[in-house]
PDB file of N, CA and C in Angstrom:
ATOM      1  N   UNK A   1       0.894  -0.804  -0.136  1.00  0.00           N
ATOM      2  CA  UNK A   1      -0.148   0.144  -0.091  1.00  0.00           C
ATOM      3  C   UNK A   1       0.823   1.561   0.045  1.00  0.00           C
ATOM      4  N   UNK A   2       0.425   2.248  -0.471  1.00  0.00           N
ATOM      5  CA  UNK A   2       1.524   3.394  -0.774  1.00  0.00           C
ATOM      6  C   UNK A   2       1.334   4.262   0.675  1.00  0.00           C
ATOM      7  N   UNK A   3       2.559   4.351   1.175  1.00  0.00           N
ATOM      8  CA  UNK A   3       1.957   5.450   2.175  1.00  0.00           C
ATOM      9  C   UNK A   3       1.598   6.899   2.176  1.00  0.00           C
ATOM     10  N   UNK A   4       1.812   7.131   0.970  1.00  0.00           N
ATOM     11  CA  UNK A   4       1.643   8.746   0.564  1.00  0.00           C
ATOM     12  C   UNK A   4      -0.116   8.977   0.479  1.00  0.00           C
ATOM     13  N   UNK A   5      -0.364   9.981   1.513  1.00  0.00           N
ATOM     14  CA  UNK A   5      -2.128  10.122   2.117  1.00  0.00           C
ATOM     15  C   UNK A   5      -2.299  11.759   2.334  1.00  0.00           C
ATOM     16  N   UNK A   6      -3.423  12.052   1.943  1.00  0.00           N
ATOM     17  CA  UNK A   6      -3.410  13.611   2.010  1.00  0.00           C
ATOM     18  C   UNK A   6      -3.780  14.156   3.045  1.00  0.00           C
ATOM     19  N   UNK A   7      -3.833  13.174   4.144  1.00  0.00           N
ATOM     20  CA  UNK A   7      -4.154  13.299   5.576  1.00  0.00           C
ATOM     21  C   UNK A   7      -2.821  13.419   6.400  1.00  0.00           C
ATOM     22  N   UNK A   8      -1.717  13.233   5.876  1.00  0.00           N
ATOM     23  CA  UNK A   8      -0.322  12.767   6.593  1.00  0.00           C
ATOM     24  C   UNK A   8       0.468  13.425   5.753  1.00  0.00           C
ATOM     25  N   UNK A   9       1.220  14.613   6.570  1.00  0.00           N
ATOM     26  CA  UNK A   9       2.244  15.463   5.938  1.00  0.00           C
ATOM     27  C   UNK A   9       3.992  14.737   6.878  1.00  0.00           C
ATOM     28  N   UNK A  10       4.629  14.759   6.017  1.00  0.00           N
ATOM     29  CA  UNK A  10       6.226  14.289   6.371  1.00  0.00           C
ATOM     30  C   UNK A  10       6.921  15.099   6.361  1.00  0.00           C
ATOM     31  N   UNK A  11       7.582  15.898   7.274  1.00  0.00           N
ATOM     32  CA  UNK A  11       8.995  17.250   6.803  1.00  0.00           C
ATOM     33  C   UNK A  11      10.222  16.808   7.454  1.00  0.00           C
ATOM     34  N   UNK A  12      10.884  16.807   6.849  1.00  0.00           N
ATOM     35  CA  UNK A  12      12.376  17.096   7.036  1.00  0.00           C
ATOM     36  C   UNK A  12      12.886  18.210   6.891  1.00  0.00           C
ATOM     37  N   UNK A  13      13.913  18.522   7.842  1.00  0.00           N
ATOM     38  CA  UNK A  13      14.742  19.696   7.882  1.00  0.00           C
ATOM     39  C   UNK A  13      16.369  19.389   7.828  1.00  0.00           C
ATOM     40  N   UNK A  14      16.634  20.456   7.757  1.00  0.00           N
ATOM     41  CA  UNK A  14      18.495  20.327   7.848  1.00  0.00           C
ATOM     42  C   UNK A  14      18.661  20.115   9.427  1.00  0.00           C
ATOM     43  N   UNK A  15      19.813  19.493   9.487  1.00  0.00           N
ATOM     44  CA  UNK A  15      20.123  19.243  11.082  1.00  0.00           C
ATOM     45  C   UNK A  15      21.484  19.704  11.113  1.00  0.00           C
ATOM     46  N   UNK A  16      21.362  20.481  12.537  1.00  0.00           N
ATOM     47  CA  UNK A  16      22.723  21.063  12.547  1.00  0.00           C
ATOM     48  C   UNK A  16      23.690  20.149  13.667  1.00  0.00           C
ATOM     49  N   UNK A  17      24.568  20.925  13.567  1.00  0.00           N
ATOM     50  CA  UNK A  17      25.930  20.183  14.500  1.00  0.00           C
ATOM     51  C   UNK A  17      24.998  19.699  15.726  1.00  0.00           C
ATOM     52  N   UNK A  18      25.634  18.822  16.393  1.00  0.00           N
ATOM     53  CA  UNK A  18      25.634  18.205  18.163  1.00  0.00           C
ATOM     54  C   UNK A  18      25.986  19.909  18.851  1.00  0.00           C
ATOM     55  N   UNK A  19      26.518  20.384  18.869  1.00  0.00           N
ATOM     56  CA  UNK A  19      27.096  21.653  19.261  1.00  0.00           C
ATOM     57  C   UNK A  19      26.202  22.573  19.587  1.00  0.00           C
ATOM     58  N   UNK A  20      25.107  22.663  18.437  1.00  0.00           N
ATOM     59  CA  UNK A  20      24.212  23.692  18.433  1.00  0.00           C
ATOM     60  C   UNK A  20      22.691  22.692  18.975  1.00  0.00           C
ATOM     61  N   UNK A  21      22.853  21.480  19.289  1.00  0.00           N
ATOM     62  CA  UNK A  21      21.609  20.781  19.914  1.00  0.00           C
ATOM     63  C   UNK A  21      20.308  21.717  20.177  1.00  0.00           C
ATOM     64  N   UNK A  22      20.920  22.540  21.619  1.00  0.00           N
ATOM     65  CA  UNK A  22      19.512  23.495  21.963  1.00  0.00           C
ATOM     66  C   UNK A  22      18.740  24.082  20.795  1.00  0.00           C
ATOM     67  N   UNK A  23      19.942  24.914  19.774  1.00  0.00           N
ATOM     68  CA  UNK A  23      19.422  25.684  18.995  1.00  0.00           C
ATOM     69  C   UNK A  23      18.574  25.128  18.061  1.00  0.00           C
ATOM     70  N   UNK A  24      18.998  23.645  17.828  1.00  0.00           N
ATOM     71  CA  UNK A  24      18.539  22.972  16.606  1.00  0.00           C
ATOM     72  C   UNK A  24      16.787  22.492  16.997  1.00  0.00           C
ATOM     73  N   UNK A  25      16.744  22.223  18.574  1.00  0.00           N
ATOM     74  CA  UNK A  25      15.577  21.804  18.809  1.00  0.00           C
ATOM     75  C   UNK A  25      14.598  22.751  18.797  1.00  0.00           C
ATOM     76  N   UNK A  26      14.847  24.085  19.283  1.00  0.00           N
ATOM     77  CA  UNK A  26      14.543  25.113  19.661  1.00  0.00           C
ATOM     78  C   UNK A  26      13.564  25.726  18.137  1.00  0.00           C
ATOM     79  N   UNK A  27      14.576  25.374  16.962  1.00  0.00           N
ATOM     80  CA  UNK A  27      14.052  26.073  15.579  1.00  0.00           C
ATOM     81  C   UNK A  27      13.114  24.959  14.671  1.00  0.00           C
ATOM     82  N   UNK A  28      13.248  23.971  15.404  1.00  0.00           N
ATOM     83  CA  UNK A  28      12.029  22.971  15.059  1.00  0.00           C
ATOM     84  C   UNK A  28      10.983  22.798  16.026  1.00  0.00           C
ATOM     85  N   UNK A  29      10.817  23.003  17.292  1.00  0.00           N
ATOM     86  CA  UNK A  29       9.988  22.872  18.246  1.00  0.00           C
ATOM     87  C   UNK A  29       9.197  24.135  18.189  1.00  0.00           C
ATOM     88  N   UNK A  30       9.801  25.740  18.271  1.00  0.00           N
ATOM     89  CA  UNK A  30       9.229  26.668  18.315  1.00  0.00           C
ATOM     90  C   UNK A  30       7.940  27.074  17.255  1.00  0.00           C
ATOM     91  N   UNK A  31       8.089  26.758  15.928  1.00  0.00           N
ATOM     92  CA  UNK A  31       6.905  26.771  14.800  1.00  0.00           C
ATOM     93  C   UNK A  31       5.386  26.509  15.255  1.00  0.00           C
ATOM     94  N   UNK A  32       5.777  25.292  15.924  1.00  0.00           N
ATOM     95  CA  UNK A  32       4.913  23.961  16.342  1.00  0.00           C
ATOM     96  C   UNK A  32       3.922  24.838  17.359  1.00  0.00           C
ATOM     97  N   UNK A  33       5.013  25.026  18.091  1.00  0.00           N
ATOM     98  CA  UNK A  33       4.472  25.485  19.844  1.00  0.00           C
ATOM     99  C   UNK A  33       3.478  27.028  19.574  1.00  0.00           C
ATOM    100  N   UNK A  34       4.219  27.499  18.781  1.00  0.00           N
ATOM    101  CA  UNK A  34       3.379  28.873  18.289  1.00  0.00           C
ATOM    102  C   UNK A  34       1.885  28.619  17.877  1.00  0.00           C
ATOM    103  N   UNK A  35       2.061  27.761  16.730  1.00  0.00           N
ATOM    104  CA  UNK A  35       0.620  27.374  16.231  1.00  0.00           C
ATOM    105  C   UNK A  35      -0.291  26.787  17.223  1.00  0.00           C
ATOM    106  N   UNK A  36       0.374  25.811  18.095  1.00  0.00           N
ATOM    107  CA  UNK A  36      -0.581  25.214  18.781  1.00  0.00           C
ATOM    108  C   UNK A  36      -1.307  26.129  19.736  1.00  0.00           C
ATOM    109  N   UNK A  37      -0.648  26.622  20.205  1.00  0.00           N
ATOM    110  CA  UNK A  37      -1.169  27.575  21.507  1.00  0.00           C
ATOM    111  C   UNK A  37      -1.949  28.767  20.790  1.00  0.00           C
ATOM    112  N   UNK A  38      -1.685  28.975  19.419  1.00  0.00           N
ATOM    113  CA  UNK A  38      -2.728  30.240  18.859  1.00  0.00           C
ATOM    114  C   UNK A  38      -3.900  29.655  18.764  1.00  0.00           C
ATOM    115  N   UNK A  39      -4.164  28.125  18.019  1.00  0.00           N
ATOM    116  CA  UNK A  39      -5.447  27.689  17.715  1.00  0.00           C
ATOM    117  C   UNK A  39      -4.974  26.473  17.725  1.00  0.00           C
ATOM    118  N   UNK A  40      -5.409  26.473  19.206  1.00  0.00           N
ATOM    119  CA  UNK A  40      -5.728  24.555  19.713  1.00  0.00           C
ATOM    120  C   UNK A  40      -6.454  23.748  19.639  1.00  0.00           C
ATOM    121  N   UNK A  41      -7.715  24.666  19.042  1.00  0.00           N
ATOM    122  CA  UNK A  41      -9.306  23.539  18.536  1.00  0.00           C
ATOM    123  C   UNK A  41      -8.584  23.487  17.308  1.00  0.00           C
ATOM    124  N   UNK A  42      -7.820  23.872  16.236  1.00  0.00           N
ATOM    125  CA  UNK A  42      -7.895  23.337  15.115  1.00  0.00           C
ATOM    126  C   UNK A  42      -6.351  22.644  14.892  1.00  0.00           C
ATOM    127  N   UNK A  43      -5.571  22.477  15.395  1.00  0.00           N
ATOM    128  CA  UNK A  43      -4.342  22.142  15.170  1.00  0.00           C
ATOM    129  C   UNK A  43      -4.279  20.959  15.210  1.00  0.00           C
ATOM    130  N   UNK A  44      -3.714  20.040  14.057  1.00  0.00           N
ATOM    131  CA  UNK A  44      -3.897  18.608  13.809  1.00  0.00           C
ATOM    132  C   UNK A  44      -2.987  17.948  14.685  1.00  0.00           C
ATOM    133  N   UNK A  45      -3.278  16.692  14.955  1.00  0.00           N
ATOM    134  CA  UNK A  45      -2.518  15.388  15.523  1.00  0.00           C
ATOM    135  C   UNK A  45      -1.126  15.339  15.014  1.00  0.00           C
ATOM    136  N   UNK A  46       0.005  15.787  15.687  1.00  0.00           N
ATOM    137  CA  UNK A  46       1.169  16.026  15.570  1.00  0.00           C
ATOM    138  C   UNK A  46       1.872  15.057  16.261  1.00  0.00           C
ATOM    139  N   UNK A  47       2.625  14.237  15.515  1.00  0.00           N
ATOM    140  CA  UNK A  47       3.782  13.688  16.165  1.00  0.00           C
ATOM    141  C   UNK A  47       5.398  13.651  15.731  1.00  0.00           C
ATOM    142  N   UNK A  48       5.865  14.182  16.686  1.00  0.00           N
ATOM    143  CA  UNK A  48       7.264  14.337  16.471  1.00  0.00           C
ATOM    144  C   UNK A  48       8.490  13.269  17.218  1.00  0.00           C
ATOM    145  N   UNK A  49       9.351  13.039  16.601  1.00  0.00           N
ATOM    146  CA  UNK A  49      10.100  11.745  16.721  1.00  0.00           C
ATOM    147  C   UNK A  49      11.688  12.367  17.231  1.00  0.00           C
ATOM    148  N   UNK A  50      11.893  11.822  18.289  1.00  0.00           N
ATOM    149  CA  UNK A  50      13.260  12.601  19.055  1.00  0.00           C
ATOM    150  C   UNK A  50      13.937  11.197  18.943  1.00  0.00           C
ATOM    151  N   UNK A  51      15.440  11.747  18.709  1.00  0.00           N
ATOM    152  CA  UNK A  51      16.486  11.076  18.709  1.00  0.00           C
ATOM    153  C   UNK A  51      17.096  10.548  19.948  1.00  0.00           C
ATOM    154  N   UNK A  52      16.894  10.952  21.287  1.00  0.00           N
ATOM    155  CA  UNK A  52      17.094  10.187  22.329  1.00  0.00           C
ATOM    156  C   UNK A  52      16.044  10.981  23.436  1.00  0.00           C
ATOM    157  N   UNK A  53      16.222  10.360  24.809  1.00  0.00           N
ATOM    158  CA  UNK A  53      15.539  10.927  25.735  1.00  0.00           C
ATOM    159  C   UNK A  53      15.924  12.404  26.305  1.00  0.00           C
ATOM    160  N   UNK A  54      16.870  12.653  26.200  1.00  0.00           N
ATOM    161  CA  UNK A  54      17.389  13.962  26.680  1.00  0.00           C
ATOM    162  C   UNK A  54      16.781  14.892  25.872  1.00  0.00           C
ATOM    163  N   UNK A  55      16.571  14.871  24.422  1.00  0.00           N
ATOM    164  CA  UNK A  55      15.774  15.552  23.292  1.00  0.00           C
ATOM    165  C   UNK A  55      14.513  15.561  23.897  1.00  0.00           C
ATOM    166  N   UNK A  56      13.795  14.668  24.122  1.00  0.00           N
ATOM    167  CA  UNK A  56      12.509  14.440  24.106  1.00  0.00           C
ATOM    168  C   UNK A  56      12.171  15.129  25.850  1.00  0.00           C
ATOM    169  N   UNK A  57      13.228  15.213  26.587  1.00  0.00           N
ATOM    170  CA  UNK A  57      12.615  15.836  27.933  1.00  0.00           C
ATOM    171  C   UNK A  57      13.120  17.541  27.712  1.00  0.00           C
ATOM    172  N   UNK A  58      13.738  17.903  26.664  1.00  0.00           N
ATOM    173  CA  UNK A  58      14.404  19.326  26.355  1.00  0.00           C
ATOM    174  C   UNK A  58      12.626  19.736  25.762  1.00  0.00           C
ATOM    175  N   UNK A  59      12.203  18.999  24.688  1.00  0.00           N
ATOM    176  CA  UNK A  59      10.738  19.512  23.803  1.00  0.00           C
ATOM    177  C   UNK A  59       9.727  19.403  25.070  1.00  0.00           C
ATOM    178  N   UNK A  60       9.708  18.407  26.056  1.00  0.00           N
ATOM    179  CA  UNK A  60       8.848  18.613  26.977  1.00  0.00           C
ATOM    180  C   UNK A  60       8.876  19.962  28.063  1.00  0.00           C
ATOM    181  N   UNK A  61       9.812  20.166  28.285  1.00  0.00           N
ATOM    182  CA  UNK A  61       9.778  21.453  28.822  1.00  0.00           C
ATOM    183  C   UNK A  61       9.767  22.712  28.550  1.00  0.00           C
ATOM    184  N   UNK A  62      10.326  22.921  26.862  1.00  0.00           N
ATOM    185  CA  UNK A  62      10.125  23.707  26.459  1.00  0.00           C
ATOM    186  C   UNK A  62       8.525  24.171  25.885  1.00  0.00           C
ATOM    187  N   UNK A  63       8.002  23.013  25.809  1.00  0.00           N
ATOM    188  CA  UNK A  63       6.598  23.045  25.626  1.00  0.00           C
ATOM    189  C   UNK A  63       5.566  23.492  27.023  1.00  0.00           C
ATOM    190  N   UNK A  64       6.069  22.991  28.071  1.00  0.00           N
ATOM    191  CA  UNK A  64       5.743  23.548  29.289  1.00  0.00           C
ATOM    192  C   UNK A  64       5.937  24.807  29.501  1.00  0.00           C
ATOM    193  N   UNK A  65       7.031  25.502  29.336  1.00  0.00           N
ATOM    194  CA  UNK A  65       7.053  26.632  29.669  1.00  0.00           C
ATOM    195  C   UNK A  65       6.625  27.820  28.368  1.00  0.00           C
ATOM    196  N   UNK A  66       5.891  27.431  27.561  1.00  0.00           N
ATOM    197  CA  UNK A  66       5.947  28.187  26.509  1.00  0.00           C
ATOM    198  C   UNK A  66       4.227  28.921  26.715  1.00  0.00           C
TER     199      UNK A  66
END
């Protein structure tokens, strides 16, 4: 079955060096967080995969403090 569906959007962005780990995560999360908090009723279900638990914890704290 073809995985290309109209209701699914896959995005891939450039990866920064691990030296800029938190800046990298901020640049990925911030646009989604802004849209989510501006339009919570219409924001689509979103799944973001993180490379490790440290990144996941950082994302959780970023969204919790946003």
